[in-house]
Amino acid sequence: MVIKRNMKRNLLQLYDGINNILASWNPIGVPDHIASDEYKGYVAQILDALEKKENLMNCLEDILINKIGLEYNPNNKKHLEDLKKVCEKLLSLYKVFPLIV
């Protein structure tokens, strides 16, 4: 089926794109050659939250605070702006490779 192939292709491209965005964001500052593997474990969680900006922001905050263990304060303007930039990149990617046909 063409639709299933397109969805599978979109999913693979979306997965790779999310991983690339996370690697370039690199919130814990690992070396570049490690970053592409470091954040793969968070891609599925992000995929689940991509349909709504609020859900995605909550997901990214959860990853930073509860999974990675970084100090993140949504009341800190720089923290919030950095997270919003990543969120916008992820949402833009999702518009290019939607999973809903």
PDB file of N, CA and C in Angstrom:
ATOM      1  N   MET A   1       0.824  -1.178   0.000  1.00  0.00           N
ATOM      2  CA  MET A   1       0.000   0.000   0.000  1.00  0.00           C
ATOM      3  C   MET A   1       0.876   1.254   0.000  1.00  0.00           C
ATOM      4  N   VAL A   2       0.509   2.176  -0.857  1.00  0.00           N
ATOM      5  CA  VAL A   2       1.250   3.422  -0.988  1.00  0.00           C
ATOM      6  C   VAL A   2       1.147   4.263   0.277  1.00  0.00           C
ATOM      7  N   ILE A   3      -0.034   4.315   0.881  1.00  0.00           N
ATOM      8  CA  ILE A   3      -0.234   5.128   2.081  1.00  0.00           C
ATOM      9  C   ILE A   3       0.647   4.622   3.226  1.00  0.00           C
ATOM     10  N   LYS A   4       0.672   3.316   3.421  1.00  0.00           N
ATOM     11  CA  LYS A   4       1.487   2.755   4.498  1.00  0.00           C
ATOM     12  C   LYS A   4       2.966   3.007   4.244  1.00  0.00           C
ATOM     13  N   ARG A   5       3.402   2.887   2.992  1.00  0.00           N
ATOM     14  CA  ARG A   5       4.804   3.161   2.665  1.00  0.00           C
ATOM     15  C   ARG A   5       5.150   4.622   2.937  1.00  0.00           C
ATOM     16  N   ASN A   6       4.239   5.528   2.566  1.00  0.00           N
ATOM     17  CA  ASN A   6       4.470   6.953   2.817  1.00  0.00           C
ATOM     18  C   ASN A   6       4.536   7.242   4.308  1.00  0.00           C
ATOM     19  N   MET A   7       3.645   6.632   5.082  1.00  0.00           N
ATOM     20  CA  MET A   7       3.663   6.839   6.529  1.00  0.00           C
ATOM     21  C   MET A   7       4.948   6.287   7.140  1.00  0.00           C
ATOM     22  N   LYS A   8       5.380   5.123   6.667  1.00  0.00           N
ATOM     23  CA  LYS A   8       6.615   4.531   7.185  1.00  0.00           C
ATOM     24  C   LYS A   8       7.807   5.413   6.830  1.00  0.00           C
ATOM     25  N   ARG A   9       7.846   5.895   5.600  1.00  0.00           N
ATOM     26  CA  ARG A   9       8.941   6.775   5.173  1.00  0.00           C
ATOM     27  C   ARG A   9       8.919   8.054   6.005  1.00  0.00           C
ATOM     28  N   ASN A  10       7.732   8.643   6.202  1.00  0.00           N
ATOM     29  CA  ASN A  10       7.617   9.852   7.021  1.00  0.00           C
ATOM     30  C   ASN A  10       8.077   9.593   8.455  1.00  0.00           C
ATOM     31  N   LEU A  11       7.707   8.455   9.006  1.00  0.00           N
ATOM     32  CA  LEU A  11       8.099   8.130  10.368  1.00  0.00           C
ATOM     33  C   LEU A  11       9.617   8.027  10.486  1.00  0.00           C
ATOM     34  N   LEU A  12      10.245   7.359   9.534  1.00  0.00           N
ATOM     35  CA  LEU A  12      11.699   7.227   9.567  1.00  0.00           C
ATOM     36  C   LEU A  12      12.383   8.577   9.422  1.00  0.00           C
ATOM     37  N   GLN A  13      11.880   9.406   8.526  1.00  0.00           N
ATOM     38  CA  GLN A  13      12.472  10.729   8.333  1.00  0.00           C
ATOM     39  C   GLN A  13      12.218  11.619   9.554  1.00  0.00           C
ATOM     40  N   LEU A  14      11.050  11.495  10.129  1.00  0.00           N
ATOM     41  CA  LEU A  14      10.716  12.255  11.330  1.00  0.00           C
ATOM     42  C   LEU A  14      11.606  11.820  12.496  1.00  0.00           C
ATOM     43  N   TYR A  15      11.776  10.522  12.659  1.00  0.00           N
ATOM     44  CA  TYR A  15      12.640   9.986  13.715  1.00  0.00           C
ATOM     45  C   TYR A  15      14.056  10.542  13.573  1.00  0.00           C
ATOM     46  N   ASP A  16      14.616  10.443  12.365  1.00  0.00           N
ATOM     47  CA  ASP A  16      15.973  10.945  12.133  1.00  0.00           C
ATOM     48  C   ASP A  16      16.051  12.448  12.351  1.00  0.00           C
ATOM     49  N   GLY A  17      15.044  13.166  11.902  1.00  0.00           N
ATOM     50  CA  GLY A  17      15.026  14.615  12.072  1.00  0.00           C
ATOM     51  C   GLY A  17      14.969  15.024  13.533  1.00  0.00           C
ATOM     52  N   ILE A  18      14.124  14.344  14.309  1.00  0.00           N
ATOM     53  CA  ILE A  18      14.032  14.632  15.742  1.00  0.00           C
ATOM     54  C   ILE A  18      15.379  14.368  16.400  1.00  0.00           C
ATOM     55  N   ASN A  19      15.975  13.246  16.073  1.00  0.00           N
ATOM     56  CA  ASN A  19      17.273  12.920  16.659  1.00  0.00           C
ATOM     57  C   ASN A  19      18.322  13.973  16.298  1.00  0.00           C
ATOM     58  N   ASN A  20      18.302  14.448  15.063  1.00  0.00           N
ATOM     59  CA  ASN A  20      19.251  15.482  14.640  1.00  0.00           C
ATOM     60  C   ASN A  20      19.022  16.793  15.400  1.00  0.00           C
ATOM     61  N   ILE A  21      17.757  17.159  15.607  1.00  0.00           N
ATOM     62  CA  ILE A  21      17.448  18.381  16.360  1.00  0.00           C
ATOM     63  C   ILE A  21      17.937  18.242  17.802  1.00  0.00           C
ATOM     64  N   LEU A  22      17.691  17.091  18.410  1.00  0.00           N
ATOM     65  CA  LEU A  22      18.148  16.868  19.782  1.00  0.00           C
ATOM     66  C   LEU A  22      19.675  16.891  19.873  1.00  0.00           C
ATOM     67  N   ALA A  23      20.330  16.295  18.884  1.00  0.00           N
ATOM     68  CA  ALA A  23      21.794  16.273  18.881  1.00  0.00           C
ATOM     69  C   ALA A  23      22.380  17.666  18.720  1.00  0.00           C
ATOM     70  N   SER A  24      21.755  18.492  17.888  1.00  0.00           N
ATOM     71  CA  SER A  24      22.280  19.858  17.719  1.00  0.00           C
ATOM     72  C   SER A  24      21.951  20.727  18.936  1.00  0.00           C
ATOM     73  N   TRP A  25      20.823  20.465  19.588  1.00  0.00           N
ATOM     74  CA  TRP A  25      20.466  21.154  20.827  1.00  0.00           C
ATOM     75  C   TRP A  25      21.472  20.774  21.915  1.00  0.00           C
ATOM     76  N   ASN A  26      21.666  19.472  22.091  1.00  0.00           N
ATOM     77  CA  ASN A  26      22.677  18.910  22.970  1.00  0.00           C
ATOM     78  C   ASN A  26      22.674  19.561  24.371  1.00  0.00           C
ATOM     79  N   PRO A  27      21.584  19.420  25.118  1.00  0.00           N
ATOM     80  CA  PRO A  27      21.462  20.122  26.397  1.00  0.00           C
ATOM     81  C   PRO A  27      22.493  19.732  27.455  1.00  0.00           C
ATOM     82  N   ILE A  28      23.095  18.558  27.344  1.00  0.00           N
ATOM     83  CA  ILE A  28      24.105  18.196  28.343  1.00  0.00           C
ATOM     84  C   ILE A  28      25.521  18.422  27.830  1.00  0.00           C
ATOM     85  N   GLY A  29      25.656  18.838  26.583  1.00  0.00           N
ATOM     86  CA  GLY A  29      26.959  19.228  26.061  1.00  0.00           C
ATOM     87  C   GLY A  29      27.936  18.098  25.830  1.00  0.00           C
ATOM     88  N   VAL A  30      27.440  16.944  25.406  1.00  0.00           N
ATOM     89  CA  VAL A  30      28.359  15.846  25.074  1.00  0.00           C
ATOM     90  C   VAL A  30      29.088  16.185  23.772  1.00  0.00           C
ATOM     91  N   PRO A  31      30.238  15.561  23.518  1.00  0.00           N
ATOM     92  CA  PRO A  31      30.938  15.813  22.260  1.00  0.00           C
ATOM     93  C   PRO A  31      30.045  15.496  21.054  1.00  0.00           C
ATOM     94  N   ASP A  32      30.243  16.236  19.965  1.00  0.00           N
ATOM     95  CA  ASP A  32      29.397  16.100  18.771  1.00  0.00           C
ATOM     96  C   ASP A  32      29.289  14.658  18.281  1.00  0.00           C
ATOM     97  N   HIS A  33      30.379  13.911  18.308  1.00  0.00           N
ATOM     98  CA  HIS A  33      30.348  12.539  17.788  1.00  0.00           C
ATOM     99  C   HIS A  33      29.527  11.595  18.674  1.00  0.00           C
ATOM    100  N   ILE A  34      29.214  12.009  19.873  1.00  0.00           N
ATOM    101  CA  ILE A  34      28.391  11.205  20.784  1.00  0.00           C
ATOM    102  C   ILE A  34      26.931  11.670  20.772  1.00  0.00           C
ATOM    103  N   ALA A  35      26.714  12.941  20.473  1.00  0.00           N
ATOM    104  CA  ALA A  35      25.373  13.541  20.586  1.00  0.00           C
ATOM    105  C   ALA A  35      24.320  12.823  19.748  1.00  0.00           C
ATOM    106  N   SER A  36      24.697  12.332  18.576  1.00  0.00           N
ATOM    107  CA  SER A  36      23.693  11.691  17.717  1.00  0.00           C
ATOM    108  C   SER A  36      23.156  10.396  18.326  1.00  0.00           C
ATOM    109  N   ASP A  37      23.908   9.766  19.212  1.00  0.00           N
ATOM    110  CA  ASP A  37      23.423   8.561  19.893  1.00  0.00           C
ATOM    111  C   ASP A  37      22.847   8.863  21.279  1.00  0.00           C
ATOM    112  N   GLU A  38      23.300   9.936  21.884  1.00  0.00           N
ATOM    113  CA  GLU A  38      22.960  10.258  23.266  1.00  0.00           C
ATOM    114  C   GLU A  38      21.460  10.467  23.495  1.00  0.00           C
ATOM    115  N   TYR A  39      20.771  11.036  22.528  1.00  0.00           N
ATOM    116  CA  TYR A  39      19.381  11.451  22.736  1.00  0.00           C
ATOM    117  C   TYR A  39      18.347  10.573  22.028  1.00  0.00           C
ATOM    118  N   LYS A  40      18.785   9.512  21.365  1.00  0.00           N
ATOM    119  CA  LYS A  40      17.856   8.631  20.637  1.00  0.00           C
ATOM    120  C   LYS A  40      16.758   8.063  21.528  1.00  0.00           C
ATOM    121  N   GLY A  41      17.059   7.837  22.776  1.00  0.00           N
ATOM    122  CA  GLY A  41      16.096   7.257  23.697  1.00  0.00           C
ATOM    123  C   GLY A  41      14.896   8.156  23.982  1.00  0.00           C
ATOM    124  N   TYR A  42      14.974   9.410  23.605  1.00  0.00           N
ATOM    125  CA  TYR A  42      13.885  10.350  23.858  1.00  0.00           C
ATOM    126  C   TYR A  42      12.991  10.574  22.638  1.00  0.00           C
ATOM    127  N   VAL A  43      13.374  10.036  21.501  1.00  0.00           N
ATOM    128  CA  VAL A  43      12.637  10.304  20.263  1.00  0.00           C
ATOM    129  C   VAL A  43      11.197   9.786  20.342  1.00  0.00           C
ATOM    130  N   ALA A  44      10.994   8.586  20.834  1.00  0.00           N
ATOM    131  CA  ALA A  44       9.637   8.020  20.906  1.00  0.00           C
ATOM    132  C   ALA A  44       8.727   8.870  21.790  1.00  0.00           C
ATOM    133  N   GLN A  45       9.255   9.339  22.908  1.00  0.00           N
ATOM    134  CA  GLN A  45       8.480  10.189  23.819  1.00  0.00           C
ATOM    135  C   GLN A  45       8.095  11.493  23.117  1.00  0.00           C
ATOM    136  N   ILE A  46       9.007  12.040  22.355  1.00  0.00           N
ATOM    137  CA  ILE A  46       8.730  13.275  21.615  1.00  0.00           C
ATOM    138  C   ILE A  46       7.721  13.020  20.504  1.00  0.00           C
ATOM    139  N   LEU A  47       7.835  11.903  19.816  1.00  0.00           N
ATOM    140  CA  LEU A  47       6.861  11.555  18.773  1.00  0.00           C
ATOM    141  C   LEU A  47       5.446  11.540  19.328  1.00  0.00           C
ATOM    142  N   ASP A  48       5.290  11.024  20.527  1.00  0.00           N
ATOM    143  CA  ASP A  48       3.967  10.949  21.156  1.00  0.00           C
ATOM    144  C   ASP A  48       3.396  12.317  21.493  1.00  0.00           C
ATOM    145  N   ALA A  49       4.259  13.316  21.626  1.00  0.00           N
ATOM    146  CA  ALA A  49       3.813  14.646  22.063  1.00  0.00           C
ATOM    147  C   ALA A  49       3.750  15.672  20.940  1.00  0.00           C
ATOM    148  N   LEU A  50       4.066  15.283  19.721  1.00  0.00           N
ATOM    149  CA  LEU A  50       4.232  16.244  18.625  1.00  0.00           C
ATOM    150  C   LEU A  50       2.970  16.946  18.144  1.00  0.00           C
ATOM    151  N   GLU A  51       1.819  16.420  18.421  1.00  0.00           N
ATOM    152  CA  GLU A  51       0.610  16.995  17.834  1.00  0.00           C
ATOM    153  C   GLU A  51       0.175  18.311  18.460  1.00  0.00           C
ATOM    154  N   LYS A  52       0.600  18.566  19.699  1.00  0.00           N
ATOM    155  CA  LYS A  52       0.220  19.808  20.370  1.00  0.00           C
ATOM    156  C   LYS A  52       1.450  20.459  20.986  1.00  0.00           C
ATOM    157  N   LYS A  53       1.589  21.753  20.764  1.00  0.00           N
ATOM    158  CA  LYS A  53       2.748  22.487  21.276  1.00  0.00           C
ATOM    159  C   LYS A  53       2.859  22.374  22.800  1.00  0.00           C
ATOM    160  N   GLU A  54       1.742  22.505  23.497  1.00  0.00           N
ATOM    161  CA  GLU A  54       1.767  22.423  24.960  1.00  0.00           C
ATOM    162  C   GLU A  54       2.278  21.061  25.427  1.00  0.00           C
ATOM    163  N   ASN A  55       1.799  19.997  24.789  1.00  0.00           N
ATOM    164  CA  ASN A  55       2.256  18.652  25.142  1.00  0.00           C
ATOM    165  C   ASN A  55       3.752  18.495  24.876  1.00  0.00           C
ATOM    166  N   LEU A  56       4.197  19.060  23.765  1.00  0.00           N
ATOM    167  CA  LEU A  56       5.611  18.958  23.415  1.00  0.00           C
ATOM    168  C   LEU A  56       6.484  19.729  24.408  1.00  0.00           C
ATOM    169  N   MET A  57       6.061  20.918  24.790  1.00  0.00           N
ATOM    170  CA  MET A  57       6.816  21.687  25.782  1.00  0.00           C
ATOM    171  C   MET A  57       6.894  20.917  27.108  1.00  0.00           C
ATOM    172  N   ASN A  58       5.774  20.341  27.529  1.00  0.00           N
ATOM    173  CA  ASN A  58       5.763  19.545  28.760  1.00  0.00           C
ATOM    174  C   ASN A  58       6.688  18.336  28.644  1.00  0.00           C
ATOM    175  N   CYS A  59       6.675  17.716  27.490  1.00  0.00           N
ATOM    176  CA  CYS A  59       7.531  16.558  27.238  1.00  0.00           C
ATOM    177  C   CYS A  59       9.005  16.946  27.330  1.00  0.00           C
ATOM    178  N   LEU A  60       9.375  18.040  26.673  1.00  0.00           N
ATOM    179  CA  LEU A  60      10.768  18.492  26.700  1.00  0.00           C
ATOM    180  C   LEU A  60      11.202  18.871  28.114  1.00  0.00           C
ATOM    181  N   GLU A  61      10.310  19.521  28.861  1.00  0.00           N
ATOM    182  CA  GLU A  61      10.616  19.851  30.257  1.00  0.00           C
ATOM    183  C   GLU A  61      10.832  18.584  31.082  1.00  0.00           C
ATOM    184  N   ASP A  62       9.970  17.591  30.860  1.00  0.00           N
ATOM    185  CA  ASP A  62      10.099  16.322  31.574  1.00  0.00           C
ATOM    186  C   ASP A  62      11.432  15.652  31.258  1.00  0.00           C
ATOM    187  N   ILE A  63      11.808  15.664  30.004  1.00  0.00           N
ATOM    188  CA  ILE A  63      13.080  15.062  29.611  1.00  0.00           C
ATOM    189  C   ILE A  63      14.241  15.776  30.305  1.00  0.00           C
ATOM    190  N   LEU A  64      14.222  17.099  30.254  1.00  0.00           N
ATOM    191  CA  LEU A  64      15.308  17.869  30.876  1.00  0.00           C
ATOM    192  C   LEU A  64      15.409  17.622  32.378  1.00  0.00           C
ATOM    193  N   ILE A  65      14.274  17.689  33.061  1.00  0.00           N
ATOM    194  CA  ILE A  65      14.271  17.629  34.522  1.00  0.00           C
ATOM    195  C   ILE A  65      14.353  16.199  35.048  1.00  0.00           C
ATOM    196  N   ASN A  66      13.455  15.343  34.564  1.00  0.00           N
ATOM    197  CA  ASN A  66      13.307  14.012  35.141  1.00  0.00           C
ATOM    198  C   ASN A  66      14.141  12.920  34.490  1.00  0.00           C
ATOM    199  N   LYS A  67      14.473  13.094  33.227  1.00  0.00           N
ATOM    200  CA  LYS A  67      15.253  12.058  32.536  1.00  0.00           C
ATOM    201  C   LYS A  67      16.743  12.395  32.529  1.00  0.00           C
ATOM    202  N   ILE A  68      17.062  13.627  32.160  1.00  0.00           N
ATOM    203  CA  ILE A  68      18.465  14.034  32.072  1.00  0.00           C
ATOM    204  C   ILE A  68      18.966  14.553  33.419  1.00  0.00           C
ATOM    205  N   GLY A  69      18.085  15.147  34.201  1.00  0.00           N
ATOM    206  CA  GLY A  69      18.456  15.639  35.521  1.00  0.00           C
ATOM    207  C   GLY A  69      19.057  17.030  35.524  1.00  0.00           C
ATOM    208  N   LEU A  70      18.715  17.829  34.533  1.00  0.00           N
ATOM    209  CA  LEU A  70      19.211  19.197  34.484  1.00  0.00           C
ATOM    210  C   LEU A  70      18.301  20.116  35.285  1.00  0.00           C
ATOM    211  N   GLU A  71      18.859  21.215  35.718  1.00  0.00           N
ATOM    212  CA  GLU A  71      18.051  22.226  36.381  1.00  0.00           C
ATOM    213  C   GLU A  71      17.413  23.082  35.295  1.00  0.00           C
ATOM    214  N   TYR A  72      16.125  23.025  35.248  1.00  0.00           N
ATOM    215  CA  TYR A  72      15.368  23.809  34.269  1.00  0.00           C
ATOM    216  C   TYR A  72      14.303  24.572  35.029  1.00  0.00           C
ATOM    217  N   ASN A  73      14.218  25.855  34.756  1.00  0.00           N
ATOM    218  CA  ASN A  73      13.227  26.695  35.418  1.00  0.00           C
ATOM    219  C   ASN A  73      12.422  27.421  34.342  1.00  0.00           C
ATOM    220  N   PRO A  74      11.139  27.084  34.172  1.00  0.00           N
ATOM    221  CA  PRO A  74      10.332  27.738  33.145  1.00  0.00           C
ATOM    222  C   PRO A  74      10.144  29.238  33.388  1.00  0.00           C
ATOM    223  N   ASN A  75      10.444  29.702  34.597  1.00  0.00           N
ATOM    224  CA  ASN A  75      10.368  31.132  34.889  1.00  0.00           C
ATOM    225  C   ASN A  75      11.644  31.876  34.485  1.00  0.00           C
ATOM    226  N   ASN A  76      12.686  31.108  34.159  1.00  0.00           N
ATOM    227  CA  ASN A  76      13.933  31.692  33.674  1.00  0.00           C
ATOM    228  C   ASN A  76      13.763  31.951  32.175  1.00  0.00           C
ATOM    229  N   LYS A  77      13.852  33.210  31.778  1.00  0.00           N
ATOM    230  CA  LYS A  77      13.574  33.592  30.388  1.00  0.00           C
ATOM    231  C   LYS A  77      14.473  32.859  29.397  1.00  0.00           C
ATOM    232  N   LYS A  78      15.756  32.720  29.696  1.00  0.00           N
ATOM    233  CA  LYS A  78      16.680  32.034  28.782  1.00  0.00           C
ATOM    234  C   LYS A  78      16.313  30.555  28.660  1.00  0.00           C
ATOM    235  N   HIS A  79      16.048  29.911  29.779  1.00  0.00           N
ATOM    236  CA  HIS A  79      15.651  28.500  29.743  1.00  0.00           C
ATOM    237  C   HIS A  79      14.413  28.315  28.860  1.00  0.00           C
ATOM    238  N   LEU A  80      13.424  29.152  29.099  1.00  0.00           N
ATOM    239  CA  LEU A  80      12.172  29.045  28.367  1.00  0.00           C
ATOM    240  C   LEU A  80      12.368  29.316  26.874  1.00  0.00           C
ATOM    241  N   GLU A  81      13.125  30.327  26.532  1.00  0.00           N
ATOM    242  CA  GLU A  81      13.369  30.654  25.121  1.00  0.00           C
ATOM    243  C   GLU A  81      14.129  29.537  24.416  1.00  0.00           C
ATOM    244  N   ASP A  82      15.132  28.960  25.076  1.00  0.00           N
ATOM    245  CA  ASP A  82      15.871  27.842  24.483  1.00  0.00           C
ATOM    246  C   ASP A  82      14.943  26.665  24.201  1.00  0.00           C
ATOM    247  N   LEU A  83      14.084  26.370  25.159  1.00  0.00           N
ATOM    248  CA  LEU A  83      13.161  25.253  24.995  1.00  0.00           C
ATOM    249  C   LEU A  83      12.135  25.540  23.896  1.00  0.00           C
ATOM    250  N   LYS A  84      11.663  26.769  23.818  1.00  0.00           N
ATOM    251  CA  LYS A  84      10.708  27.143  22.773  1.00  0.00           C
ATOM    252  C   LYS A  84      11.331  27.000  21.381  1.00  0.00           C
ATOM    253  N   LYS A  85      12.610  27.346  21.238  1.00  0.00           N
ATOM    254  CA  LYS A  85      13.288  27.203  19.943  1.00  0.00           C
ATOM    255  C   LYS A  85      13.338  25.746  19.509  1.00  0.00           C
ATOM    256  N   VAL A  86      13.667  24.874  20.428  1.00  0.00           N
ATOM    257  CA  VAL A  86      13.708  23.442  20.121  1.00  0.00           C
ATOM    258  C   VAL A  86      12.307  22.952  19.777  1.00  0.00           C
ATOM    259  N   CYS A  87      11.335  23.382  20.542  1.00  0.00           N
ATOM    260  CA  CYS A  87       9.945  23.006  20.307  1.00  0.00           C
ATOM    261  C   CYS A  87       9.503  23.429  18.906  1.00  0.00           C
ATOM    262  N   GLU A  88       9.805  24.651  18.514  1.00  0.00           N
ATOM    263  CA  GLU A  88       9.410  25.153  17.190  1.00  0.00           C
ATOM    264  C   GLU A  88      10.083  24.366  16.074  1.00  0.00           C
ATOM    265  N   LYS A  89      11.350  24.016  16.257  1.00  0.00           N
ATOM    266  CA  LYS A  89      12.050  23.206  15.250  1.00  0.00           C
ATOM    267  C   LYS A  89      11.379  21.847  15.097  1.00  0.00           C
ATOM    268  N   LEU A  90      11.020  21.252  16.218  1.00  0.00           N
ATOM    269  CA  LEU A  90      10.360  19.942  16.174  1.00  0.00           C
ATOM    270  C   LEU A  90       8.984  20.034  15.522  1.00  0.00           C
ATOM    271  N   LEU A  91       8.226  21.060  15.847  1.00  0.00           N
ATOM    272  CA  LEU A  91       6.899  21.229  15.245  1.00  0.00           C
ATOM    273  C   LEU A  91       7.001  21.511  13.748  1.00  0.00           C
ATOM    274  N   SER A  92       7.999  22.276  13.347  1.00  0.00           N
ATOM    275  CA  SER A  92       8.204  22.548  11.917  1.00  0.00           C
ATOM    276  C   SER A  92       8.548  21.266  11.170  1.00  0.00           C
ATOM    277  N   LEU A  93       9.359  20.441  11.776  1.00  0.00           N
ATOM    278  CA  LEU A  93       9.711  19.162  11.171  1.00  0.00           C
ATOM    279  C   LEU A  93       8.476  18.284  11.014  1.00  0.00           C
ATOM    280  N   TYR A  94       7.633  18.270  12.030  1.00  0.00           N
ATOM    281  CA  TYR A  94       6.416  17.460  11.999  1.00  0.00           C
ATOM    282  C   TYR A  94       5.476  17.907  10.875  1.00  0.00           C
ATOM    283  N   LYS A  95       5.479  19.195  10.554  1.00  0.00           N
ATOM    284  CA  LYS A  95       4.648  19.689   9.445  1.00  0.00           C
ATOM    285  C   LYS A  95       5.149  19.163   8.104  1.00  0.00           C
ATOM    286  N   VAL A  96       6.448  18.944   8.009  1.00  0.00           N
ATOM    287  CA  VAL A  96       7.041  18.425   6.765  1.00  0.00           C
ATOM    288  C   VAL A  96       6.795  16.926   6.625  1.00  0.00           C
ATOM    289  N   PHE A  97       6.856  16.217   7.738  1.00  0.00           N
ATOM    290  CA  PHE A  97       6.709  14.751   7.726  1.00  0.00           C
ATOM    291  C   PHE A  97       5.563  14.317   8.646  1.00  0.00           C
ATOM    292  N   PRO A  98       4.340  14.666   8.316  1.00  0.00           N
ATOM    293  CA  PRO A  98       3.219  14.298   9.195  1.00  0.00           C
ATOM    294  C   PRO A  98       2.989  12.789   9.194  1.00  0.00           C
ATOM    295  N   LEU A  99       2.458  12.306  10.291  1.00  0.00           N
ATOM    296  CA  LEU A  99       2.156  10.877  10.404  1.00  0.00           C
ATOM    297  C   LEU A  99       0.697  10.593  10.091  1.00  0.00           C
ATOM    298  N   ILE A 100      -0.122  11.629  10.034  1.00  0.00           N
ATOM    299  CA  ILE A 100      -1.535  11.464   9.719  1.00  0.00           C
ATOM    300  C   ILE A 100      -1.716  11.716   8.231  1.00  0.00           C
ATOM    301  N   VAL A 101      -2.366  10.789   7.573  1.00  0.00           N
ATOM    302  CA  VAL A 101      -2.577  10.922   6.116  1.00  0.00           C
ATOM    303  C   VAL A 101      -3.955  11.459   5.847  1.00  0.00           C
TER     304      VAL A 101
END
